[in-house]
Amino acid sequence: MTGKQYDRLVERFRKKPELVPYIQRLNNMLTLTGFLVYPLILIHLIRKKDRRIIPFLLIPAAAFGLVSLFRRKADRSRPYENPDIHTLTRRDKKGQSFPSRHVFSYFLIGVLLFSLNPVPGILMLVTGIFLAWARVILGVHYPSDVLAGAILGTLAGVFTLKR
């Protein structure tokens, strides 16, 4: 994504900067939701004495570790590190942008939740799109980062269900 492409993407938010804190809150709220839902899924499986607890715990952990290792090796810079892109927010973290672990985790959890109860699972997957959008708008990730995170998270979720 070039600076001009990003500027077109966030043009309306530059005209109304008072909206930016709402996008930041959306990002934070959805991130927190993902980290609350996953333990609830595990607790549900434990209470039901469901044998899927092992793959639901181990496979996502291994997938998250692999994504983290790949990010470290790829070490892609973040949009706010690019001098040609003037993002709406700035952060201190450098590199490791590809793929987005937040979006990866959110979609993986959404797939697992869908397998237990389709309605909240679909809701989680749809709100995952909003999480991805917020992370791009805020300049934390490139569109390809969140797209890769969503695809890999979905695949990791499906793989978990097959075990």
N, C-alpha and C. Protein backbone atom coordinates (compact mmCIF):
# COMPACT_ATOMS: atom_id res chain seq x y z
N MET A 1 0.86 -1.16 0.00
CA MET A 1 0.00 0.00 0.00
C MET A 1 0.91 1.23 0.00
N THR A 2 0.59 2.15 -0.87
CA THR A 2 1.37 3.39 -0.94
C THR A 2 0.76 4.44 -0.02
N GLY A 3 1.48 5.51 0.16
CA GLY A 3 0.98 6.62 0.96
C GLY A 3 -0.30 7.20 0.38
N LYS A 4 -0.37 7.29 -0.95
CA LYS A 4 -1.58 7.82 -1.60
C LYS A 4 -2.77 6.89 -1.39
N GLN A 5 -2.53 5.59 -1.48
CA GLN A 5 -3.62 4.63 -1.26
C GLN A 5 -4.13 4.72 0.18
N TYR A 6 -3.20 4.82 1.11
CA TYR A 6 -3.61 4.92 2.52
C TYR A 6 -4.37 6.23 2.74
N ASP A 7 -3.89 7.32 2.16
CA ASP A 7 -4.57 8.61 2.31
C ASP A 7 -6.01 8.55 1.80
N ARG A 8 -6.21 7.87 0.67
CA ARG A 8 -7.58 7.72 0.14
C ARG A 8 -8.43 6.89 1.09
N LEU A 9 -7.82 5.88 1.68
CA LEU A 9 -8.54 4.99 2.60
C LEU A 9 -9.01 5.72 3.85
N VAL A 10 -8.20 6.63 4.34
CA VAL A 10 -8.51 7.29 5.63
C VAL A 10 -8.96 8.75 5.45
N GLU A 11 -9.23 9.14 4.23
CA GLU A 11 -9.58 10.54 3.95
C GLU A 11 -10.70 11.05 4.85
N ARG A 12 -11.76 10.28 5.01
CA ARG A 12 -12.89 10.75 5.82
C ARG A 12 -12.53 10.88 7.29
N PHE A 13 -11.56 10.06 7.75
CA PHE A 13 -11.14 10.13 9.16
C PHE A 13 -10.18 11.29 9.40
N ARG A 14 -9.48 11.71 8.38
CA ARG A 14 -8.64 12.92 8.50
C ARG A 14 -9.54 14.16 8.60
N LYS A 15 -10.67 14.12 7.89
CA LYS A 15 -11.61 15.24 7.94
C LYS A 15 -12.37 15.28 9.26
N LYS A 16 -12.51 14.13 9.90
CA LYS A 16 -13.21 14.03 11.18
C LYS A 16 -12.34 13.26 12.17
N PRO A 17 -11.26 13.86 12.63
CA PRO A 17 -10.33 13.14 13.52
C PRO A 17 -10.96 12.70 14.84
N GLU A 18 -12.10 13.27 15.19
CA GLU A 18 -12.77 12.86 16.43
C GLU A 18 -13.28 11.41 16.33
N LEU A 19 -13.32 10.84 15.12
CA LEU A 19 -13.75 9.46 14.94
C LEU A 19 -12.64 8.45 15.24
N VAL A 20 -11.40 8.89 15.17
CA VAL A 20 -10.27 7.98 15.35
C VAL A 20 -10.31 7.28 16.71
N PRO A 21 -10.59 7.96 17.82
CA PRO A 21 -10.66 7.23 19.10
C PRO A 21 -11.72 6.12 19.10
N TYR A 22 -12.80 6.29 18.32
CA TYR A 22 -13.82 5.25 18.24
C TYR A 22 -13.29 4.01 17.53
N ILE A 23 -12.47 4.24 16.50
CA ILE A 23 -11.86 3.11 15.80
C ILE A 23 -10.87 2.41 16.73
N GLN A 24 -10.11 3.19 17.50
CA GLN A 24 -9.19 2.60 18.46
C GLN A 24 -9.94 1.77 19.50
N ARG A 25 -11.07 2.29 19.97
CA ARG A 25 -11.87 1.54 20.95
C ARG A 25 -12.44 0.27 20.34
N LEU A 26 -12.88 0.35 19.08
CA LEU A 26 -13.39 -0.83 18.39
C LEU A 26 -12.30 -1.89 18.31
N ASN A 27 -11.11 -1.47 17.91
CA ASN A 27 -9.97 -2.37 17.84
C ASN A 27 -9.71 -3.02 19.20
N ASN A 28 -9.67 -2.23 20.25
CA ASN A 28 -9.40 -2.75 21.60
C ASN A 28 -10.51 -3.67 22.08
N MET A 29 -11.76 -3.27 21.84
CA MET A 29 -12.90 -4.06 22.29
C MET A 29 -12.95 -5.42 21.59
N LEU A 30 -12.73 -5.42 20.28
CA LEU A 30 -12.77 -6.68 19.55
C LEU A 30 -11.59 -7.57 19.92
N THR A 31 -10.43 -6.98 20.13
CA THR A 31 -9.28 -7.77 20.57
C THR A 31 -9.58 -8.43 21.91
N LEU A 32 -10.12 -7.67 22.84
CA LEU A 32 -10.48 -8.21 24.15
C LEU A 32 -11.53 -9.30 24.01
N THR A 33 -12.49 -9.11 23.14
CA THR A 33 -13.54 -10.12 22.92
C THR A 33 -12.93 -11.46 22.53
N GLY A 34 -12.00 -11.42 21.59
CA GLY A 34 -11.34 -12.66 21.16
C GLY A 34 -10.62 -13.35 22.30
N PHE A 35 -9.94 -12.58 23.12
CA PHE A 35 -9.19 -13.17 24.22
C PHE A 35 -10.09 -13.61 25.37
N LEU A 36 -11.32 -13.15 25.40
CA LEU A 36 -12.28 -13.64 26.40
C LEU A 36 -13.04 -14.87 25.88
N VAL A 37 -13.36 -14.89 24.61
CA VAL A 37 -14.15 -15.98 24.05
C VAL A 37 -13.37 -17.29 24.05
N TYR A 38 -12.10 -17.25 23.71
CA TYR A 38 -11.32 -18.50 23.62
C TYR A 38 -11.31 -19.25 24.95
N PRO A 39 -10.98 -18.62 26.07
CA PRO A 39 -11.04 -19.38 27.33
C PRO A 39 -12.46 -19.89 27.64
N LEU A 40 -13.48 -19.14 27.24
CA LEU A 40 -14.85 -19.61 27.46
C LEU A 40 -15.14 -20.87 26.65
N ILE A 41 -14.60 -20.93 25.44
CA ILE A 41 -14.75 -22.15 24.62
C ILE A 41 -14.08 -23.32 25.34
N LEU A 42 -12.88 -23.11 25.84
CA LEU A 42 -12.15 -24.19 26.53
C LEU A 42 -12.88 -24.62 27.80
N ILE A 43 -13.39 -23.67 28.56
CA ILE A 43 -14.15 -23.99 29.78
C ILE A 43 -15.40 -24.79 29.42
N HIS A 44 -16.08 -24.39 28.35
CA HIS A 44 -17.27 -25.12 27.89
C HIS A 44 -16.91 -26.57 27.58
N LEU A 45 -15.82 -26.79 26.87
CA LEU A 45 -15.42 -28.15 26.51
C LEU A 45 -15.04 -28.96 27.75
N ILE A 46 -14.39 -28.33 28.70
CA ILE A 46 -14.02 -29.03 29.94
C ILE A 46 -15.28 -29.43 30.71
N ARG A 47 -16.21 -28.50 30.83
CA ARG A 47 -17.45 -28.78 31.58
C ARG A 47 -18.25 -29.90 30.93
N LYS A 48 -18.22 -29.97 29.61
CA LYS A 48 -18.97 -31.00 28.87
C LYS A 48 -18.18 -32.31 28.77
N LYS A 49 -16.95 -32.28 29.32
CA LYS A 49 -16.05 -33.44 29.21
C LYS A 49 -15.86 -33.85 27.74
N ASP A 50 -15.75 -32.85 26.91
CA ASP A 50 -15.62 -33.03 25.47
C ASP A 50 -14.16 -33.32 25.13
N ARG A 51 -13.92 -34.42 24.43
CA ARG A 51 -12.55 -34.83 24.11
C ARG A 51 -11.87 -33.88 23.13
N ARG A 52 -12.61 -32.97 22.53
CA ARG A 52 -12.01 -32.00 21.61
C ARG A 52 -11.16 -30.96 22.34
N ILE A 53 -11.19 -30.95 23.66
CA ILE A 53 -10.41 -29.97 24.42
C ILE A 53 -8.92 -30.02 24.06
N ILE A 54 -8.40 -31.21 23.86
CA ILE A 54 -6.96 -31.34 23.56
C ILE A 54 -6.62 -30.68 22.22
N PRO A 55 -7.29 -31.06 21.11
CA PRO A 55 -6.95 -30.36 19.86
C PRO A 55 -7.32 -28.87 19.88
N PHE A 56 -8.41 -28.51 20.58
CA PHE A 56 -8.80 -27.10 20.66
C PHE A 56 -7.78 -26.28 21.44
N LEU A 57 -6.99 -26.93 22.24
CA LEU A 57 -5.96 -26.23 23.01
C LEU A 57 -4.61 -26.30 22.29
N LEU A 58 -4.20 -27.49 21.89
CA LEU A 58 -2.85 -27.69 21.36
C LEU A 58 -2.65 -27.18 19.93
N ILE A 59 -3.60 -27.43 19.06
CA ILE A 59 -3.42 -27.04 17.66
C ILE A 59 -3.40 -25.52 17.51
N PRO A 60 -4.34 -24.78 18.12
CA PRO A 60 -4.23 -23.31 18.03
C PRO A 60 -2.94 -22.77 18.64
N ALA A 61 -2.48 -23.37 19.74
CA ALA A 61 -1.22 -22.91 20.35
C ALA A 61 -0.05 -23.13 19.40
N ALA A 62 -0.01 -24.30 18.78
CA ALA A 62 1.06 -24.59 17.82
C ALA A 62 0.97 -23.67 16.60
N ALA A 63 -0.24 -23.46 16.10
CA ALA A 63 -0.42 -22.58 14.94
C ALA A 63 -0.01 -21.15 15.27
N PHE A 64 -0.39 -20.68 16.45
CA PHE A 64 -0.01 -19.33 16.88
C PHE A 64 1.53 -19.23 16.95
N GLY A 65 2.17 -20.26 17.48
CA GLY A 65 3.62 -20.27 17.55
C GLY A 65 4.27 -20.24 16.17
N LEU A 66 3.71 -21.00 15.23
CA LEU A 66 4.25 -21.01 13.86
C LEU A 66 4.06 -19.65 13.19
N VAL A 67 2.91 -19.05 13.37
CA VAL A 67 2.67 -17.72 12.80
C VAL A 67 3.65 -16.72 13.41
N SER A 68 3.89 -16.82 14.70
CA SER A 68 4.82 -15.91 15.38
C SER A 68 6.24 -16.08 14.85
N LEU A 69 6.66 -17.34 14.65
CA LEU A 69 8.00 -17.59 14.09
C LEU A 69 8.12 -17.03 12.68
N PHE A 70 7.10 -17.26 11.87
CA PHE A 70 7.11 -16.74 10.50
C PHE A 70 7.20 -15.22 10.50
N ARG A 71 6.43 -14.57 11.37
CA ARG A 71 6.45 -13.10 11.46
C ARG A 71 7.85 -12.60 11.80
N ARG A 72 8.48 -13.29 12.73
CA ARG A 72 9.83 -12.88 13.13
C ARG A 72 10.80 -13.00 11.96
N LYS A 73 10.68 -14.10 11.20
CA LYS A 73 11.56 -14.30 10.05
C LYS A 73 11.27 -13.30 8.93
N ALA A 74 10.00 -13.10 8.63
CA ALA A 74 9.61 -12.18 7.55
C ALA A 74 9.92 -10.74 7.94
N ASP A 75 9.68 -10.40 9.18
CA ASP A 75 9.96 -9.08 9.76
C ASP A 75 9.55 -7.92 8.85
N ARG A 76 8.34 -7.99 8.37
CA ARG A 76 7.81 -6.92 7.53
C ARG A 76 7.54 -5.68 8.38
N SER A 77 7.91 -4.53 7.84
CA SER A 77 7.66 -3.28 8.57
C SER A 77 6.17 -2.99 8.60
N ARG A 78 5.79 -2.11 9.49
CA ARG A 78 4.38 -1.72 9.65
C ARG A 78 4.14 -0.41 8.90
N PRO A 79 2.90 -0.16 8.52
CA PRO A 79 2.62 1.07 7.76
C PRO A 79 3.13 2.33 8.45
N TYR A 80 3.00 2.42 9.77
CA TYR A 80 3.45 3.64 10.46
C TYR A 80 4.97 3.79 10.46
N GLU A 81 5.69 2.74 10.07
CA GLU A 81 7.15 2.83 9.95
C GLU A 81 7.56 3.37 8.59
N ASN A 82 6.66 3.35 7.63
CA ASN A 82 6.94 3.80 6.26
C ASN A 82 6.87 5.33 6.23
N PRO A 83 7.97 5.99 5.85
CA PRO A 83 7.96 7.46 5.84
C PRO A 83 6.99 8.07 4.83
N ASP A 84 6.55 7.28 3.85
CA ASP A 84 5.60 7.78 2.85
C ASP A 84 4.14 7.64 3.29
N ILE A 85 3.92 6.92 4.37
CA ILE A 85 2.56 6.69 4.86
C ILE A 85 2.40 7.42 6.19
N HIS A 86 1.47 8.35 6.22
CA HIS A 86 1.21 9.13 7.44
C HIS A 86 -0.07 8.58 8.08
N THR A 87 0.14 7.64 9.00
CA THR A 87 -0.98 6.91 9.58
C THR A 87 -1.72 7.75 10.62
N LEU A 88 -2.92 7.29 10.95
CA LEU A 88 -3.74 7.98 11.95
C LEU A 88 -3.18 7.81 13.36
N THR A 89 -2.44 6.73 13.57
CA THR A 89 -1.84 6.46 14.89
C THR A 89 -0.39 6.05 14.71
N ARG A 90 0.35 6.13 15.78
CA ARG A 90 1.75 5.69 15.80
C ARG A 90 1.91 4.74 16.97
N ARG A 91 2.78 3.80 16.80
CA ARG A 91 3.08 2.84 17.86
C ARG A 91 4.58 2.68 17.95
N ASP A 92 5.02 2.02 18.99
CA ASP A 92 6.46 1.80 19.19
C ASP A 92 6.96 0.51 18.56
N LYS A 93 6.09 -0.47 18.40
CA LYS A 93 6.52 -1.78 17.89
C LYS A 93 7.06 -1.65 16.48
N LYS A 94 8.15 -2.33 16.22
CA LYS A 94 8.79 -2.29 14.91
C LYS A 94 8.68 -3.67 14.25
N GLY A 95 8.36 -3.66 12.97
CA GLY A 95 8.36 -4.89 12.18
C GLY A 95 7.31 -5.90 12.61
N GLN A 96 7.52 -7.13 12.14
CA GLN A 96 6.66 -8.27 12.45
C GLN A 96 5.19 -7.98 12.19
N SER A 97 4.93 -7.43 11.03
CA SER A 97 3.57 -7.04 10.67
C SER A 97 2.80 -8.14 9.94
N PHE A 98 3.51 -9.03 9.26
CA PHE A 98 2.87 -10.02 8.38
C PHE A 98 3.05 -11.43 8.91
N PRO A 99 1.94 -12.15 9.09
CA PRO A 99 0.53 -11.76 9.06
C PRO A 99 0.09 -11.20 10.41
N SER A 100 -1.09 -10.63 10.44
CA SER A 100 -1.64 -10.08 11.67
C SER A 100 -2.03 -11.22 12.61
N ARG A 101 -1.39 -11.26 13.79
CA ARG A 101 -1.74 -12.30 14.77
C ARG A 101 -3.10 -12.03 15.41
N HIS A 102 -3.46 -10.76 15.58
CA HIS A 102 -4.77 -10.46 16.14
C HIS A 102 -5.88 -11.03 15.24
N VAL A 103 -5.77 -10.76 13.96
CA VAL A 103 -6.78 -11.23 13.01
C VAL A 103 -6.71 -12.75 12.87
N PHE A 104 -5.50 -13.30 12.83
CA PHE A 104 -5.33 -14.76 12.80
C PHE A 104 -6.08 -15.40 13.97
N SER A 105 -5.81 -14.92 15.17
CA SER A 105 -6.43 -15.49 16.36
C SER A 105 -7.94 -15.34 16.34
N TYR A 106 -8.40 -14.18 15.94
CA TYR A 106 -9.83 -13.90 15.94
C TYR A 106 -10.58 -14.84 15.00
N PHE A 107 -10.03 -15.07 13.81
CA PHE A 107 -10.69 -15.96 12.86
C PHE A 107 -10.59 -17.41 13.29
N LEU A 108 -9.47 -17.81 13.85
CA LEU A 108 -9.34 -19.17 14.36
C LEU A 108 -10.40 -19.41 15.45
N ILE A 109 -10.51 -18.50 16.38
CA ILE A 109 -11.49 -18.61 17.46
C ILE A 109 -12.91 -18.59 16.89
N GLY A 110 -13.15 -17.76 15.89
CA GLY A 110 -14.46 -17.71 15.25
C GLY A 110 -14.86 -19.04 14.64
N VAL A 111 -13.92 -19.71 13.98
CA VAL A 111 -14.20 -21.03 13.39
C VAL A 111 -14.51 -22.05 14.48
N LEU A 112 -13.72 -22.04 15.55
CA LEU A 112 -13.97 -22.98 16.65
C LEU A 112 -15.33 -22.72 17.29
N LEU A 113 -15.65 -21.45 17.50
CA LEU A 113 -16.93 -21.10 18.08
C LEU A 113 -18.08 -21.52 17.16
N PHE A 114 -17.90 -21.31 15.86
CA PHE A 114 -18.91 -21.71 14.89
C PHE A 114 -19.23 -23.20 14.99
N SER A 115 -18.19 -24.01 15.24
CA SER A 115 -18.41 -25.46 15.34
C SER A 115 -19.25 -25.82 16.57
N LEU A 116 -19.22 -24.98 17.59
CA LEU A 116 -19.99 -25.23 18.80
C LEU A 116 -21.38 -24.60 18.74
N ASN A 117 -21.46 -23.42 18.14
CA ASN A 117 -22.72 -22.71 18.03
C ASN A 117 -22.61 -21.74 16.84
N PRO A 118 -23.27 -22.05 15.73
CA PRO A 118 -23.10 -21.27 14.50
C PRO A 118 -23.42 -19.77 14.62
N VAL A 119 -24.44 -19.41 15.37
CA VAL A 119 -24.83 -17.99 15.40
C VAL A 119 -23.74 -17.11 16.00
N PRO A 120 -23.25 -17.39 17.22
CA PRO A 120 -22.15 -16.55 17.72
C PRO A 120 -20.87 -16.73 16.91
N GLY A 121 -20.69 -17.91 16.31
CA GLY A 121 -19.52 -18.12 15.46
C GLY A 121 -19.53 -17.20 14.25
N ILE A 122 -20.69 -17.10 13.60
CA ILE A 122 -20.82 -16.19 12.45
C ILE A 122 -20.62 -14.74 12.90
N LEU A 123 -21.20 -14.40 14.04
CA LEU A 123 -21.04 -13.05 14.57
C LEU A 123 -19.55 -12.74 14.81
N MET A 124 -18.83 -13.71 15.35
CA MET A 124 -17.40 -13.50 15.60
C MET A 124 -16.64 -13.34 14.28
N LEU A 125 -16.97 -14.15 13.30
CA LEU A 125 -16.27 -14.04 12.01
C LEU A 125 -16.58 -12.70 11.33
N VAL A 126 -17.81 -12.25 11.42
CA VAL A 126 -18.17 -10.95 10.82
C VAL A 126 -17.46 -9.82 11.56
N THR A 127 -17.44 -9.88 12.89
CA THR A 127 -16.75 -8.82 13.64
C THR A 127 -15.24 -8.90 13.42
N GLY A 128 -14.75 -10.08 13.03
CA GLY A 128 -13.33 -10.20 12.67
C GLY A 128 -12.98 -9.34 11.47
N ILE A 129 -13.93 -9.18 10.57
CA ILE A 129 -13.72 -8.29 9.43
C ILE A 129 -13.56 -6.85 9.91
N PHE A 130 -14.35 -6.46 10.91
CA PHE A 130 -14.23 -5.11 11.47
C PHE A 130 -12.90 -4.93 12.19
N LEU A 131 -12.43 -5.98 12.86
CA LEU A 131 -11.12 -5.91 13.52
C LEU A 131 -10.04 -5.69 12.46
N ALA A 132 -10.10 -6.46 11.39
CA ALA A 132 -9.11 -6.32 10.31
C ALA A 132 -9.16 -4.91 9.72
N TRP A 133 -10.36 -4.41 9.48
CA TRP A 133 -10.55 -3.06 8.94
C TRP A 133 -9.94 -2.02 9.86
N ALA A 134 -10.23 -2.13 11.16
CA ALA A 134 -9.71 -1.15 12.13
C ALA A 134 -8.19 -1.15 12.16
N ARG A 135 -7.58 -2.32 12.08
CA ARG A 135 -6.12 -2.40 12.16
C ARG A 135 -5.47 -1.78 10.91
N VAL A 136 -6.15 -1.89 9.78
CA VAL A 136 -5.63 -1.24 8.56
C VAL A 136 -5.84 0.27 8.64
N ILE A 137 -7.04 0.69 9.03
CA ILE A 137 -7.34 2.12 9.11
C ILE A 137 -6.39 2.81 10.10
N LEU A 138 -6.10 2.16 11.21
CA LEU A 138 -5.22 2.76 12.21
C LEU A 138 -3.76 2.77 11.77
N GLY A 139 -3.44 2.04 10.71
CA GLY A 139 -2.07 2.02 10.21
C GLY A 139 -1.17 1.03 10.92
N VAL A 140 -1.77 0.07 11.61
CA VAL A 140 -1.00 -0.95 12.32
C VAL A 140 -0.59 -2.07 11.37
N HIS A 141 -1.45 -2.34 10.37
CA HIS A 141 -1.19 -3.42 9.41
C HIS A 141 -1.55 -2.97 8.00
N TYR A 142 -0.92 -3.63 7.05
CA TYR A 142 -1.28 -3.49 5.64
C TYR A 142 -2.47 -4.42 5.37
N PRO A 143 -3.25 -4.14 4.33
CA PRO A 143 -4.36 -5.04 3.99
C PRO A 143 -3.91 -6.50 3.81
N SER A 144 -2.77 -6.70 3.20
CA SER A 144 -2.29 -8.08 3.00
C SER A 144 -1.97 -8.77 4.33
N ASP A 145 -1.58 -8.02 5.34
CA ASP A 145 -1.31 -8.60 6.66
C ASP A 145 -2.58 -9.18 7.27
N VAL A 146 -3.66 -8.41 7.22
CA VAL A 146 -4.90 -8.87 7.83
C VAL A 146 -5.57 -9.94 6.98
N LEU A 147 -5.44 -9.84 5.67
CA LEU A 147 -6.00 -10.88 4.80
C LEU A 147 -5.30 -12.22 5.06
N ALA A 148 -3.98 -12.18 5.13
CA ALA A 148 -3.23 -13.41 5.42
C ALA A 148 -3.58 -13.95 6.80
N GLY A 149 -3.73 -13.06 7.77
CA GLY A 149 -4.12 -13.49 9.11
C GLY A 149 -5.48 -14.16 9.11
N ALA A 150 -6.44 -13.59 8.39
CA ALA A 150 -7.79 -14.17 8.32
C ALA A 150 -7.78 -15.54 7.64
N ILE A 151 -7.05 -15.65 6.55
CA ILE A 151 -6.98 -16.92 5.82
C ILE A 151 -6.29 -17.98 6.68
N LEU A 152 -5.14 -17.65 7.25
CA LEU A 152 -4.41 -18.62 8.06
C LEU A 152 -5.19 -19.01 9.31
N GLY A 153 -5.86 -18.04 9.93
CA GLY A 153 -6.67 -18.34 11.11
C GLY A 153 -7.83 -19.27 10.77
N THR A 154 -8.48 -19.01 9.65
CA THR A 154 -9.58 -19.87 9.21
C THR A 154 -9.07 -21.28 8.93
N LEU A 155 -7.95 -21.38 8.22
CA LEU A 155 -7.38 -22.70 7.92
C LEU A 155 -6.96 -23.43 9.19
N ALA A 156 -6.37 -22.71 10.14
CA ALA A 156 -5.96 -23.35 11.40
C ALA A 156 -7.19 -23.82 12.17
N GLY A 157 -8.27 -23.04 12.12
CA GLY A 157 -9.50 -23.45 12.78
C GLY A 157 -10.08 -24.70 12.14
N VAL A 158 -10.13 -24.74 10.82
CA VAL A 158 -10.66 -25.91 10.11
C VAL A 158 -9.78 -27.12 10.39
N PHE A 159 -8.45 -26.93 10.38
CA PHE A 159 -7.52 -28.04 10.69
C PHE A 159 -7.79 -28.57 12.09
N THR A 160 -8.02 -27.66 13.03
CA THR A 160 -8.30 -28.08 14.41
C THR A 160 -9.57 -28.94 14.46
N LEU A 161 -10.58 -28.56 13.72
CA LEU A 161 -11.83 -29.30 13.72
C LEU A 161 -11.70 -30.69 13.09
N LYS A 162 -10.73 -30.85 12.21
CA LYS A 162 -10.54 -32.14 11.54
C LYS A 162 -9.80 -33.14 12.43
N ARG A 163 -9.26 -32.70 13.53
CA ARG A 163 -8.48 -33.58 14.41
C ARG A 163 -9.31 -34.17 15.49
